Amino acid sequence: MIHRHKSIMILGLTTLLVTLIWADRLSATTPGEQVKATIDRVMETLKDPRLRGDVNKNKRREKLRQAILPRFDFADMAKRALGNQWNRYPDKQPEFVSAFAQLLEESYADQIEAARGDKVAYVNERTEPGIAEVGTKVISSDGEETPILYKLHPVGSDWKVYDVVIANISLVNNYRSQFSRVLSHSSFDDLIKMIKEKGMEKNS
């Protein structure tokens, strides 16, 4: 009996220790701080005179991709964008995620560049168990403001973006509507082909 109580106590202490370590790692930096670090890299790229203009677009987009990729959970975003259709195509999911990630990177970069922001203001941050939102505003040189809300969830010790709401338009919801329309009259292979060819409508 003593040995049994001792084992239970050890198990309980071990579980508590693991929980505290996980919580400490997750709270080491807040969702807002992680988003800010990513946006700082994005804005640094956009302001770099060596990367401006159409002639440098490919270099600029590659730098943006390097900043965006670690912060976004593209697999989860792809699953959300397909909605109820996701489980219908298990063999095609990796190809879809890859194509959709590239499309989202381009769409997000287009929106950030279109905002012509000189600075970013951090409006608010809300964190609940398993979810967080970070509200920002991209402010142009003439004072025009573009609100951008980042929705995140914990992945390991990081907070990853699973949706971006730009001027009240959700990227994930926007593409879910488009994908649903395409799949109503075309095959899943056709949808992937359209995505790869950037044949989807631009979010606005």
N, C-alpha and C. Protein backbone atom coordinates (compact mmCIF):
# COMPACT_ATOMS: atom_id res chain seq x y z
N MET A 1 0.83 -1.20 0.00
CA MET A 1 0.00 0.00 0.00
C MET A 1 0.87 1.26 0.00
N ILE A 2 1.94 1.24 0.81
CA ILE A 2 2.84 2.39 0.87
C ILE A 2 3.49 2.62 -0.49
N HIS A 3 3.94 1.51 -1.11
CA HIS A 3 4.57 1.63 -2.41
C HIS A 3 3.59 2.18 -3.45
N ARG A 4 2.31 1.76 -3.32
CA ARG A 4 1.29 2.23 -4.26
C ARG A 4 1.09 3.74 -4.12
N HIS A 5 0.98 4.24 -2.89
CA HIS A 5 0.80 5.67 -2.66
C HIS A 5 2.02 6.46 -3.13
N LYS A 6 3.20 5.87 -2.93
CA LYS A 6 4.43 6.52 -3.37
C LYS A 6 4.46 6.65 -4.89
N SER A 7 4.03 5.59 -5.58
CA SER A 7 4.01 5.62 -7.05
C SER A 7 3.03 6.66 -7.56
N ILE A 8 1.87 6.74 -6.90
CA ILE A 8 0.86 7.72 -7.31
C ILE A 8 1.38 9.14 -7.09
N MET A 9 2.08 9.34 -5.98
CA MET A 9 2.64 10.66 -5.68
C MET A 9 3.69 11.05 -6.71
N ILE A 10 4.56 10.11 -7.05
CA ILE A 10 5.60 10.37 -8.05
C ILE A 10 4.98 10.70 -9.40
N LEU A 11 3.95 9.91 -9.78
CA LEU A 11 3.27 10.15 -11.05
C LEU A 11 2.64 11.53 -11.06
N GLY A 12 1.99 11.90 -9.91
CA GLY A 12 1.35 13.21 -9.84
C GLY A 12 2.35 14.34 -9.94
N LEU A 13 3.48 14.22 -9.25
CA LEU A 13 4.51 15.25 -9.29
C LEU A 13 5.13 15.36 -10.68
N THR A 14 5.32 14.22 -11.33
CA THR A 14 5.88 14.22 -12.69
C THR A 14 4.94 14.92 -13.66
N THR A 15 3.63 14.60 -13.55
CA THR A 15 2.63 15.25 -14.42
C THR A 15 2.60 16.74 -14.20
N LEU A 16 2.66 17.16 -12.92
CA LEU A 16 2.65 18.57 -12.59
C LEU A 16 3.87 19.26 -13.16
N LEU A 17 5.03 18.63 -13.04
CA LEU A 17 6.28 19.22 -13.54
C LEU A 17 6.23 19.40 -15.05
N VAL A 18 5.74 18.37 -15.76
CA VAL A 18 5.63 18.46 -17.22
C VAL A 18 4.68 19.58 -17.61
N THR A 19 3.57 19.67 -16.89
CA THR A 19 2.58 20.72 -17.18
C THR A 19 3.17 22.11 -16.98
N LEU A 20 3.90 22.28 -15.87
CA LEU A 20 4.50 23.58 -15.58
C LEU A 20 5.56 23.95 -16.60
N ILE A 21 6.36 22.96 -17.01
CA ILE A 21 7.39 23.22 -18.03
C ILE A 21 6.74 23.64 -19.34
N TRP A 22 5.68 22.92 -19.73
CA TRP A 22 4.97 23.25 -20.99
C TRP A 22 4.37 24.64 -20.92
N ALA A 23 3.74 24.96 -19.79
CA ALA A 23 3.11 26.27 -19.64
C ALA A 23 4.16 27.37 -19.65
N ASP A 24 5.31 27.11 -19.02
CA ASP A 24 6.37 28.11 -18.97
C ASP A 24 6.93 28.36 -20.37
N ARG A 25 7.11 27.30 -21.15
CA ARG A 25 7.63 27.46 -22.50
C ARG A 25 6.64 28.25 -23.35
N LEU A 26 5.36 27.94 -23.19
CA LEU A 26 4.34 28.59 -24.01
C LEU A 26 4.18 30.06 -23.66
N SER A 27 4.40 30.38 -22.36
CA SER A 27 4.21 31.75 -21.93
C SER A 27 5.50 32.56 -21.97
N ALA A 28 6.60 31.92 -22.45
CA ALA A 28 7.88 32.62 -22.51
C ALA A 28 7.76 33.89 -23.34
N THR A 29 7.03 33.78 -24.42
CA THR A 29 6.69 34.97 -25.21
C THR A 29 5.20 34.91 -25.49
N THR A 30 4.54 36.04 -25.41
CA THR A 30 3.09 36.09 -25.62
C THR A 30 2.77 36.00 -27.10
N PRO A 31 1.51 35.70 -27.44
CA PRO A 31 1.11 35.71 -28.85
C PRO A 31 1.43 37.04 -29.52
N GLY A 32 1.17 38.14 -28.81
CA GLY A 32 1.44 39.46 -29.37
C GLY A 32 2.91 39.67 -29.67
N GLU A 33 3.77 39.21 -28.77
CA GLU A 33 5.21 39.35 -28.98
C GLU A 33 5.68 38.53 -30.17
N GLN A 34 5.11 37.34 -30.33
CA GLN A 34 5.51 36.50 -31.45
C GLN A 34 5.02 37.08 -32.78
N VAL A 35 3.79 37.60 -32.77
CA VAL A 35 3.27 38.25 -33.97
C VAL A 35 4.11 39.48 -34.31
N LYS A 36 4.45 40.25 -33.30
CA LYS A 36 5.24 41.47 -33.52
C LYS A 36 6.59 41.14 -34.13
N ALA A 37 7.23 40.08 -33.65
CA ALA A 37 8.52 39.69 -34.20
C ALA A 37 8.42 39.35 -35.69
N THR A 38 7.33 38.68 -36.05
CA THR A 38 7.11 38.34 -37.46
C THR A 38 6.83 39.58 -38.29
N ILE A 39 5.95 40.44 -37.79
CA ILE A 39 5.59 41.66 -38.53
C ILE A 39 6.80 42.58 -38.67
N ASP A 40 7.65 42.64 -37.65
CA ASP A 40 8.86 43.45 -37.74
C ASP A 40 9.72 43.00 -38.92
N ARG A 41 9.83 41.70 -39.10
CA ARG A 41 10.61 41.17 -40.23
C ARG A 41 9.94 41.50 -41.56
N VAL A 42 8.59 41.41 -41.57
CA VAL A 42 7.84 41.74 -42.79
C VAL A 42 8.03 43.21 -43.17
N MET A 43 7.87 44.10 -42.19
CA MET A 43 8.00 45.52 -42.46
C MET A 43 9.43 45.90 -42.84
N GLU A 44 10.38 45.26 -42.23
CA GLU A 44 11.80 45.50 -42.57
C GLU A 44 12.05 45.15 -44.03
N THR A 45 11.45 44.06 -44.47
CA THR A 45 11.59 43.64 -45.87
C THR A 45 10.95 44.64 -46.81
N LEU A 46 9.74 45.10 -46.47
CA LEU A 46 9.02 46.02 -47.33
C LEU A 46 9.70 47.38 -47.43
N LYS A 47 10.41 47.76 -46.37
CA LYS A 47 11.07 49.07 -46.36
C LYS A 47 12.49 49.03 -46.94
N ASP A 48 12.98 47.84 -47.21
CA ASP A 48 14.34 47.71 -47.74
C ASP A 48 14.38 48.26 -49.17
N PRO A 49 15.13 49.35 -49.42
CA PRO A 49 15.17 49.94 -50.76
C PRO A 49 15.73 49.00 -51.81
N ARG A 50 16.52 48.02 -51.38
CA ARG A 50 17.10 47.06 -52.32
C ARG A 50 16.07 46.06 -52.83
N LEU A 51 14.91 46.01 -52.16
CA LEU A 51 13.90 45.02 -52.53
C LEU A 51 12.64 45.66 -53.10
N ARG A 52 12.65 46.94 -53.33
CA ARG A 52 11.46 47.63 -53.83
C ARG A 52 11.36 47.53 -55.35
N GLY A 53 10.12 47.74 -55.83
CA GLY A 53 9.89 47.74 -57.28
C GLY A 53 9.58 46.36 -57.83
N ASP A 54 8.95 46.35 -58.99
CA ASP A 54 8.57 45.09 -59.63
C ASP A 54 9.77 44.23 -59.99
N VAL A 55 10.89 44.89 -60.31
CA VAL A 55 12.06 44.14 -60.72
C VAL A 55 12.60 43.27 -59.58
N ASN A 56 12.32 43.66 -58.35
CA ASN A 56 12.81 42.91 -57.19
C ASN A 56 11.70 42.12 -56.50
N LYS A 57 10.58 41.96 -57.18
CA LYS A 57 9.43 41.32 -56.54
C LYS A 57 9.74 39.90 -56.08
N ASN A 58 10.41 39.11 -56.90
CA ASN A 58 10.69 37.73 -56.52
C ASN A 58 11.59 37.65 -55.29
N LYS A 59 12.60 38.50 -55.23
CA LYS A 59 13.48 38.53 -54.06
C LYS A 59 12.71 38.98 -52.82
N ARG A 60 11.86 40.01 -53.01
CA ARG A 60 11.08 40.53 -51.90
C ARG A 60 10.11 39.48 -51.37
N ARG A 61 9.44 38.79 -52.28
CA ARG A 61 8.48 37.79 -51.86
C ARG A 61 9.16 36.60 -51.16
N GLU A 62 10.37 36.27 -51.58
CA GLU A 62 11.09 35.18 -50.92
C GLU A 62 11.45 35.58 -49.49
N LYS A 63 11.87 36.83 -49.29
CA LYS A 63 12.16 37.31 -47.94
C LYS A 63 10.89 37.33 -47.09
N LEU A 64 9.79 37.73 -47.69
CA LEU A 64 8.51 37.73 -46.96
C LEU A 64 8.12 36.30 -46.59
N ARG A 65 8.33 35.39 -47.50
CA ARG A 65 8.00 33.99 -47.24
C ARG A 65 8.80 33.46 -46.06
N GLN A 66 10.07 33.81 -45.99
CA GLN A 66 10.91 33.37 -44.88
C GLN A 66 10.42 33.91 -43.54
N ALA A 67 9.83 35.10 -43.57
CA ALA A 67 9.31 35.69 -42.34
C ALA A 67 7.96 35.08 -41.96
N ILE A 68 7.12 34.82 -42.96
CA ILE A 68 5.76 34.35 -42.72
C ILE A 68 5.71 32.86 -42.36
N LEU A 69 6.50 32.06 -43.06
CA LEU A 69 6.40 30.59 -42.95
C LEU A 69 6.45 30.05 -41.53
N PRO A 70 7.37 30.50 -40.67
CA PRO A 70 7.43 29.92 -39.33
C PRO A 70 6.25 30.29 -38.44
N ARG A 71 5.54 31.37 -38.75
CA ARG A 71 4.48 31.87 -37.88
C ARG A 71 3.10 31.34 -38.25
N PHE A 72 2.93 30.86 -39.49
CA PHE A 72 1.61 30.45 -39.96
C PHE A 72 1.47 28.93 -39.94
N ASP A 73 0.31 28.46 -39.47
CA ASP A 73 -0.02 27.04 -39.48
C ASP A 73 -0.82 26.75 -40.75
N PHE A 74 -0.09 26.59 -41.85
CA PHE A 74 -0.75 26.45 -43.14
C PHE A 74 -1.56 25.16 -43.25
N ALA A 75 -1.11 24.10 -42.60
CA ALA A 75 -1.87 22.84 -42.65
C ALA A 75 -3.24 23.02 -42.01
N ASP A 76 -3.28 23.69 -40.87
CA ASP A 76 -4.56 23.92 -40.19
C ASP A 76 -5.43 24.89 -41.00
N MET A 77 -4.80 25.90 -41.59
CA MET A 77 -5.55 26.86 -42.41
C MET A 77 -6.16 26.17 -43.62
N ALA A 78 -5.40 25.25 -44.21
CA ALA A 78 -5.91 24.50 -45.36
C ALA A 78 -7.11 23.65 -44.97
N LYS A 79 -7.01 23.00 -43.81
CA LYS A 79 -8.11 22.18 -43.32
C LYS A 79 -9.36 23.01 -43.06
N ARG A 80 -9.17 24.18 -42.45
CA ARG A 80 -10.30 25.06 -42.18
C ARG A 80 -10.91 25.58 -43.48
N ALA A 81 -10.06 25.87 -44.46
CA ALA A 81 -10.55 26.42 -45.72
C ALA A 81 -11.38 25.40 -46.50
N LEU A 82 -11.07 24.13 -46.34
CA LEU A 82 -11.86 23.10 -47.03
C LEU A 82 -13.12 22.73 -46.25
N GLY A 83 -13.10 22.98 -44.95
CA GLY A 83 -14.27 22.68 -44.15
C GLY A 83 -14.64 21.20 -44.19
N ASN A 84 -15.89 20.91 -44.45
CA ASN A 84 -16.38 19.53 -44.45
C ASN A 84 -15.80 18.69 -45.57
N GLN A 85 -15.19 19.34 -46.56
CA GLN A 85 -14.62 18.61 -47.69
C GLN A 85 -13.26 17.98 -47.35
N TRP A 86 -12.63 18.43 -46.27
CA TRP A 86 -11.26 18.01 -45.96
C TRP A 86 -11.10 16.50 -45.89
N ASN A 87 -11.98 15.83 -45.17
CA ASN A 87 -11.84 14.38 -44.95
C ASN A 87 -12.18 13.55 -46.18
N ARG A 88 -12.68 14.17 -47.21
CA ARG A 88 -13.06 13.43 -48.43
C ARG A 88 -11.86 13.11 -49.30
N TYR A 89 -10.73 13.81 -49.07
CA TYR A 89 -9.58 13.65 -49.97
C TYR A 89 -8.29 13.43 -49.19
N PRO A 90 -8.22 12.36 -48.39
CA PRO A 90 -7.02 12.15 -47.56
C PRO A 90 -5.72 12.00 -48.36
N ASP A 91 -5.80 11.35 -49.51
CA ASP A 91 -4.59 11.14 -50.31
C ASP A 91 -4.09 12.43 -50.96
N LYS A 92 -4.96 13.40 -51.12
CA LYS A 92 -4.61 14.65 -51.79
C LYS A 92 -4.27 15.77 -50.81
N GLN A 93 -4.42 15.51 -49.53
CA GLN A 93 -4.22 16.57 -48.55
C GLN A 93 -2.83 17.20 -48.58
N PRO A 94 -1.73 16.41 -48.62
CA PRO A 94 -0.40 17.04 -48.65
C PRO A 94 -0.20 17.97 -49.86
N GLU A 95 -0.67 17.54 -51.03
CA GLU A 95 -0.55 18.37 -52.23
C GLU A 95 -1.38 19.64 -52.10
N PHE A 96 -2.57 19.50 -51.53
CA PHE A 96 -3.43 20.66 -51.35
C PHE A 96 -2.82 21.65 -50.37
N VAL A 97 -2.29 21.15 -49.25
CA VAL A 97 -1.69 22.02 -48.24
C VAL A 97 -0.52 22.80 -48.85
N SER A 98 0.31 22.13 -49.63
CA SER A 98 1.46 22.78 -50.25
C SER A 98 1.02 23.89 -51.19
N ALA A 99 0.03 23.59 -52.04
CA ALA A 99 -0.45 24.59 -53.00
C ALA A 99 -1.14 25.75 -52.28
N PHE A 100 -1.94 25.42 -51.27
CA PHE A 100 -2.68 26.44 -50.55
C PHE A 100 -1.74 27.35 -49.76
N ALA A 101 -0.67 26.78 -49.20
CA ALA A 101 0.32 27.59 -48.47
C ALA A 101 0.91 28.66 -49.37
N GLN A 102 1.26 28.28 -50.58
CA GLN A 102 1.82 29.25 -51.52
C GLN A 102 0.80 30.33 -51.87
N LEU A 103 -0.45 29.91 -52.06
CA LEU A 103 -1.50 30.87 -52.38
C LEU A 103 -1.71 31.86 -51.22
N LEU A 104 -1.73 31.35 -50.00
CA LEU A 104 -1.93 32.21 -48.84
C LEU A 104 -0.77 33.17 -48.65
N GLU A 105 0.44 32.69 -48.86
CA GLU A 105 1.62 33.55 -48.74
C GLU A 105 1.50 34.73 -49.70
N GLU A 106 1.10 34.42 -50.94
CA GLU A 106 0.95 35.47 -51.95
C GLU A 106 -0.17 36.43 -51.59
N SER A 107 -1.29 35.88 -51.13
CA SER A 107 -2.45 36.70 -50.79
C SER A 107 -2.12 37.63 -49.63
N TYR A 108 -1.49 37.09 -48.60
CA TYR A 108 -1.13 37.91 -47.44
C TYR A 108 -0.12 38.98 -47.84
N ALA A 109 0.89 38.60 -48.63
CA ALA A 109 1.90 39.57 -49.08
C ALA A 109 1.26 40.67 -49.92
N ASP A 110 0.32 40.29 -50.79
CA ASP A 110 -0.39 41.28 -51.61
C ASP A 110 -1.10 42.30 -50.72
N GLN A 111 -1.78 41.81 -49.69
CA GLN A 111 -2.55 42.69 -48.82
C GLN A 111 -1.63 43.61 -48.01
N ILE A 112 -0.53 43.06 -47.52
CA ILE A 112 0.41 43.87 -46.74
C ILE A 112 1.03 44.96 -47.61
N GLU A 113 1.41 44.60 -48.83
CA GLU A 113 2.00 45.59 -49.73
C GLU A 113 0.98 46.64 -50.15
N ALA A 114 -0.25 46.20 -50.37
CA ALA A 114 -1.31 47.14 -50.78
C ALA A 114 -1.62 48.15 -49.68
N ALA A 115 -1.39 47.76 -48.43
CA ALA A 115 -1.67 48.66 -47.32
C ALA A 115 -0.69 49.83 -47.28
N ARG A 116 0.43 49.70 -47.95
CA ARG A 116 1.44 50.76 -48.05
C ARG A 116 1.80 51.32 -46.66
N GLY A 117 1.96 50.39 -45.73
CA GLY A 117 2.16 50.83 -44.35
C GLY A 117 3.56 51.31 -44.04
N ASP A 118 3.63 52.43 -43.32
CA ASP A 118 4.89 52.93 -42.81
C ASP A 118 5.14 52.42 -41.40
N LYS A 119 4.05 52.10 -40.69
CA LYS A 119 4.20 51.57 -39.34
C LYS A 119 2.99 50.72 -38.99
N VAL A 120 3.16 49.94 -37.92
CA VAL A 120 2.09 49.05 -37.45
C VAL A 120 1.79 49.38 -36.00
N ALA A 121 0.52 49.58 -35.70
CA ALA A 121 0.09 49.83 -34.33
C ALA A 121 -0.56 48.56 -33.79
N TYR A 122 -0.25 48.22 -32.55
CA TYR A 122 -0.82 47.03 -31.92
C TYR A 122 -1.98 47.47 -31.04
N VAL A 123 -3.17 47.07 -31.44
CA VAL A 123 -4.40 47.58 -30.83
C VAL A 123 -4.78 46.82 -29.57
N ASN A 124 -4.81 45.51 -29.66
CA ASN A 124 -5.21 44.71 -28.51
C ASN A 124 -4.71 43.28 -28.65
N GLU A 125 -4.77 42.57 -27.55
CA GLU A 125 -4.39 41.16 -27.52
C GLU A 125 -5.32 40.45 -26.55
N ARG A 126 -5.90 39.35 -27.03
CA ARG A 126 -6.81 38.58 -26.18
C ARG A 126 -6.36 37.12 -26.19
N THR A 127 -6.15 36.56 -25.03
CA THR A 127 -5.70 35.17 -24.94
C THR A 127 -6.62 34.38 -24.03
N GLU A 128 -7.05 33.25 -24.54
CA GLU A 128 -7.84 32.29 -23.78
C GLU A 128 -7.18 30.93 -23.94
N PRO A 129 -7.57 29.94 -23.14
CA PRO A 129 -6.97 28.61 -23.29
C PRO A 129 -7.12 28.08 -24.72
N GLY A 130 -6.01 27.89 -25.38
CA GLY A 130 -6.01 27.30 -26.71
C GLY A 130 -6.28 28.25 -27.86
N ILE A 131 -6.40 29.54 -27.59
CA ILE A 131 -6.70 30.49 -28.67
C ILE A 131 -6.24 31.89 -28.28
N ALA A 132 -5.88 32.68 -29.28
CA ALA A 132 -5.48 34.06 -29.03
C ALA A 132 -5.80 34.90 -30.26
N GLU A 133 -6.00 36.19 -30.03
CA GLU A 133 -6.20 37.14 -31.12
C GLU A 133 -5.31 38.35 -30.88
N VAL A 134 -4.66 38.81 -31.93
CA VAL A 134 -3.81 40.00 -31.84
C VAL A 134 -4.30 40.99 -32.89
N GLY A 135 -4.81 42.11 -32.43
CA GLY A 135 -5.32 43.14 -33.33
C GLY A 135 -4.25 44.17 -33.67
N THR A 136 -4.12 44.48 -34.93
CA THR A 136 -3.13 45.48 -35.37
C THR A 136 -3.77 46.43 -36.38
N LYS A 137 -3.06 47.52 -36.65
CA LYS A 137 -3.44 48.45 -37.71
C LYS A 137 -2.19 48.82 -38.50
N VAL A 138 -2.25 48.64 -39.81
CA VAL A 138 -1.16 49.11 -40.67
C VAL A 138 -1.50 50.54 -41.07
N ILE A 139 -0.58 51.45 -40.77
CA ILE A 139 -0.84 52.88 -40.99
C ILE A 139 0.07 53.40 -42.10
N SER A 140 -0.55 53.94 -43.15
CA SER A 140 0.21 54.46 -44.29
C SER A 140 0.72 55.86 -43.98
N SER A 141 1.57 56.39 -44.87
CA SER A 141 2.16 57.71 -44.66
C SER A 141 1.12 58.83 -44.67
N ASP A 142 -0.02 58.59 -45.34
CA ASP A 142 -1.07 59.62 -45.37
C ASP A 142 -2.13 59.39 -44.28
N GLY A 143 -1.83 58.47 -43.36
CA GLY A 143 -2.72 58.26 -42.22
C GLY A 143 -3.81 57.23 -42.43
N GLU A 144 -3.87 56.61 -43.59
CA GLU A 144 -4.89 55.59 -43.84
C GLU A 144 -4.57 54.34 -43.01
N GLU A 145 -5.59 53.79 -42.38
CA GLU A 145 -5.40 52.64 -41.51
C GLU A 145 -6.08 51.39 -42.07
N THR A 146 -5.36 50.29 -42.04
CA THR A 146 -5.91 49.00 -42.46
C THR A 146 -5.86 48.05 -41.27
N PRO A 147 -7.02 47.68 -40.71
CA PRO A 147 -7.02 46.77 -39.56
C PRO A 147 -6.70 45.34 -39.99
N ILE A 148 -5.82 44.71 -39.25
CA ILE A 148 -5.47 43.30 -39.51
C ILE A 148 -5.49 42.56 -38.19
N LEU A 149 -6.34 41.54 -38.12
CA LEU A 149 -6.48 40.73 -36.91
C LEU A 149 -5.86 39.36 -37.16
N TYR A 150 -4.98 38.94 -36.26
CA TYR A 150 -4.35 37.63 -36.36
C TYR A 150 -4.98 36.69 -35.33
N LYS A 151 -5.44 35.55 -35.79
CA LYS A 151 -6.00 34.53 -34.90
C LYS A 151 -4.97 33.40 -34.78
N LEU A 152 -4.66 33.04 -33.55
CA LEU A 152 -3.61 32.07 -33.32
C LEU A 152 -4.04 30.95 -32.37
N HIS A 153 -3.31 29.84 -32.45
CA HIS A 153 -3.47 28.77 -31.48
C HIS A 153 -2.08 28.19 -31.17
N PRO A 154 -1.94 27.54 -30.02
CA PRO A 154 -0.62 27.03 -29.63
C PRO A 154 -0.24 25.78 -30.41
N VAL A 155 1.01 25.77 -30.88
CA VAL A 155 1.58 24.60 -31.55
C VAL A 155 2.96 24.41 -30.92
N GLY A 156 3.09 23.40 -30.07
CA GLY A 156 4.33 23.24 -29.33
C GLY A 156 4.52 24.43 -28.41
N SER A 157 5.69 25.07 -28.50
CA SER A 157 5.98 26.23 -27.65
C SER A 157 5.69 27.54 -28.36
N ASP A 158 5.14 27.47 -29.57
CA ASP A 158 4.86 28.67 -30.35
C ASP A 158 3.36 28.92 -30.46
N TRP A 159 3.03 30.16 -30.83
CA TRP A 159 1.67 30.50 -31.22
C TRP A 159 1.67 30.66 -32.74
N LYS A 160 0.81 29.90 -33.40
CA LYS A 160 0.77 29.92 -34.87
C LYS A 160 -0.54 30.53 -35.36
N VAL A 161 -0.44 31.27 -36.44
CA VAL A 161 -1.61 31.92 -37.04
C VAL A 161 -2.43 30.88 -37.81
N TYR A 162 -3.74 30.84 -37.52
CA TYR A 162 -4.62 29.95 -38.28
C TYR A 162 -5.64 30.73 -39.11
N ASP A 163 -5.65 32.05 -38.98
CA ASP A 163 -6.48 32.89 -39.85
C ASP A 163 -6.02 34.34 -39.71
N VAL A 164 -6.21 35.08 -40.79
CA VAL A 164 -5.90 36.51 -40.79
C VAL A 164 -7.14 37.24 -41.30
N VAL A 165 -7.60 38.21 -40.55
CA VAL A 165 -8.78 38.98 -40.94
C VAL A 165 -8.31 40.39 -41.33
N ILE A 166 -8.37 40.70 -42.60
CA ILE A 166 -7.88 41.97 -43.12
C ILE A 166 -9.07 42.83 -43.53
N ALA A 167 -9.20 43.99 -42.90
CA ALA A 167 -10.33 44.88 -43.15
C ALA A 167 -11.65 44.11 -43.06
N ASN A 168 -11.77 43.31 -42.00
CA ASN A 168 -12.99 42.54 -41.69
C ASN A 168 -13.25 41.39 -42.66
N ILE A 169 -12.27 41.01 -43.46
CA ILE A 169 -12.42 39.87 -44.36
C ILE A 169 -11.45 38.77 -43.95
N SER A 170 -12.00 37.61 -43.61
CA SER A 170 -11.18 36.47 -43.21
C SER A 170 -10.60 35.78 -44.44
N LEU A 171 -9.28 35.61 -44.46
CA LEU A 171 -8.66 34.92 -45.58
C LEU A 171 -9.19 33.49 -45.69
N VAL A 172 -9.29 32.80 -44.56
CA VAL A 172 -9.74 31.41 -44.57
C VAL A 172 -11.19 31.30 -45.04
N ASN A 173 -12.07 32.15 -44.49
CA ASN A 173 -13.48 32.09 -44.89
C ASN A 173 -13.66 32.48 -46.35
N ASN A 174 -12.87 33.45 -46.80
CA ASN A 174 -12.95 33.89 -48.18
C ASN A 174 -12.62 32.74 -49.13
N TYR A 175 -11.55 32.02 -48.83
CA TYR A 175 -11.17 30.91 -49.69
C TYR A 175 -12.10 29.71 -49.53
N ARG A 176 -12.67 29.52 -48.33
CA ARG A 176 -13.62 28.42 -48.16
C ARG A 176 -14.82 28.60 -49.10
N SER A 177 -15.30 29.84 -49.22
CA SER A 177 -16.42 30.12 -50.12
C SER A 177 -16.04 29.83 -51.56
N GLN A 178 -14.83 30.25 -51.95
CA GLN A 178 -14.38 30.02 -53.33
C GLN A 178 -14.21 28.53 -53.61
N PHE A 179 -13.59 27.81 -52.66
CA PHE A 179 -13.36 26.38 -52.87
C PHE A 179 -14.68 25.63 -52.98
N SER A 180 -15.64 26.03 -52.16
CA SER A 180 -16.95 25.38 -52.19
C SER A 180 -17.61 25.55 -53.55
N ARG A 181 -17.51 26.77 -54.11
CA ARG A 181 -18.08 27.01 -55.44
C ARG A 181 -17.39 26.18 -56.50
N VAL A 182 -16.08 26.11 -56.43
CA VAL A 182 -15.32 25.34 -57.44
C VAL A 182 -15.69 23.86 -57.36
N LEU A 183 -15.73 23.31 -56.14
CA LEU A 183 -15.99 21.88 -55.97
C LEU A 183 -17.44 21.51 -56.28
N SER A 184 -18.30 22.49 -56.38
CA SER A 184 -19.69 22.20 -56.73
C SER A 184 -19.83 21.80 -58.20
N HIS A 185 -18.82 22.13 -59.00
CA HIS A 185 -18.91 21.79 -60.43
C HIS A 185 -17.59 21.27 -61.01
N SER A 186 -16.54 21.14 -60.18
CA SER A 186 -15.25 20.66 -60.67
C SER A 186 -14.67 19.65 -59.69
N SER A 187 -13.64 18.94 -60.13
CA SER A 187 -13.02 17.92 -59.29
C SER A 187 -12.01 18.55 -58.33
N PHE A 188 -11.58 17.76 -57.36
CA PHE A 188 -10.58 18.25 -56.41
C PHE A 188 -9.25 18.49 -57.10
N ASP A 189 -8.93 17.66 -58.09
CA ASP A 189 -7.71 17.87 -58.88
C ASP A 189 -7.77 19.20 -59.62
N ASP A 190 -8.95 19.54 -60.12
CA ASP A 190 -9.12 20.82 -60.81
C ASP A 190 -8.89 21.98 -59.84
N LEU A 191 -9.38 21.82 -58.62
CA LEU A 191 -9.20 22.87 -57.62
C LEU A 191 -7.72 23.08 -57.32
N ILE A 192 -6.99 21.98 -57.12
CA ILE A 192 -5.56 22.10 -56.84
C ILE A 192 -4.84 22.74 -58.02
N LYS A 193 -5.22 22.39 -59.22
CA LYS A 193 -4.60 22.98 -60.41
C LYS A 193 -4.85 24.49 -60.45
N MET A 194 -6.08 24.90 -60.15
CA MET A 194 -6.41 26.32 -60.14
C MET A 194 -5.59 27.07 -59.10
N ILE A 195 -5.43 26.44 -57.94
CA ILE A 195 -4.65 27.08 -56.87
C ILE A 195 -3.20 27.24 -57.30
N LYS A 196 -2.64 26.19 -57.88
CA LYS A 196 -1.24 26.25 -58.31
C LYS A 196 -1.03 27.30 -59.40
N GLU A 197 -2.04 27.47 -60.22
CA GLU A 197 -1.94 28.45 -61.29
C GLU A 197 -2.41 29.84 -60.83
N LYS A 198 -2.67 29.98 -59.52
CA LYS A 198 -3.15 31.23 -58.93
C LYS A 198 -4.42 31.68 -59.63
N GLY A 199 -5.28 30.69 -59.92
CA GLY A 199 -6.52 31.00 -60.64
C GLY A 199 -7.65 31.43 -59.73
N MET A 200 -7.40 31.46 -58.42
CA MET A 200 -8.44 31.89 -57.51
C MET A 200 -8.55 33.40 -57.51
N GLU A 201 -9.71 33.87 -57.08
CA GLU A 201 -9.93 35.33 -56.99
C GLU A 201 -9.05 35.93 -55.93
N LYS A 202 -8.60 37.16 -56.13
CA LYS A 202 -7.82 37.87 -55.13
C LYS A 202 -8.74 38.36 -54.02
N ASN A 203 -8.29 38.16 -52.80
CA ASN A 203 -9.05 38.68 -51.67
C ASN A 203 -8.98 40.19 -51.67
N SER A 204 -10.09 40.85 -51.38
CA SER A 204 -10.08 42.31 -51.37
C SER A 204 -10.93 42.82 -50.22
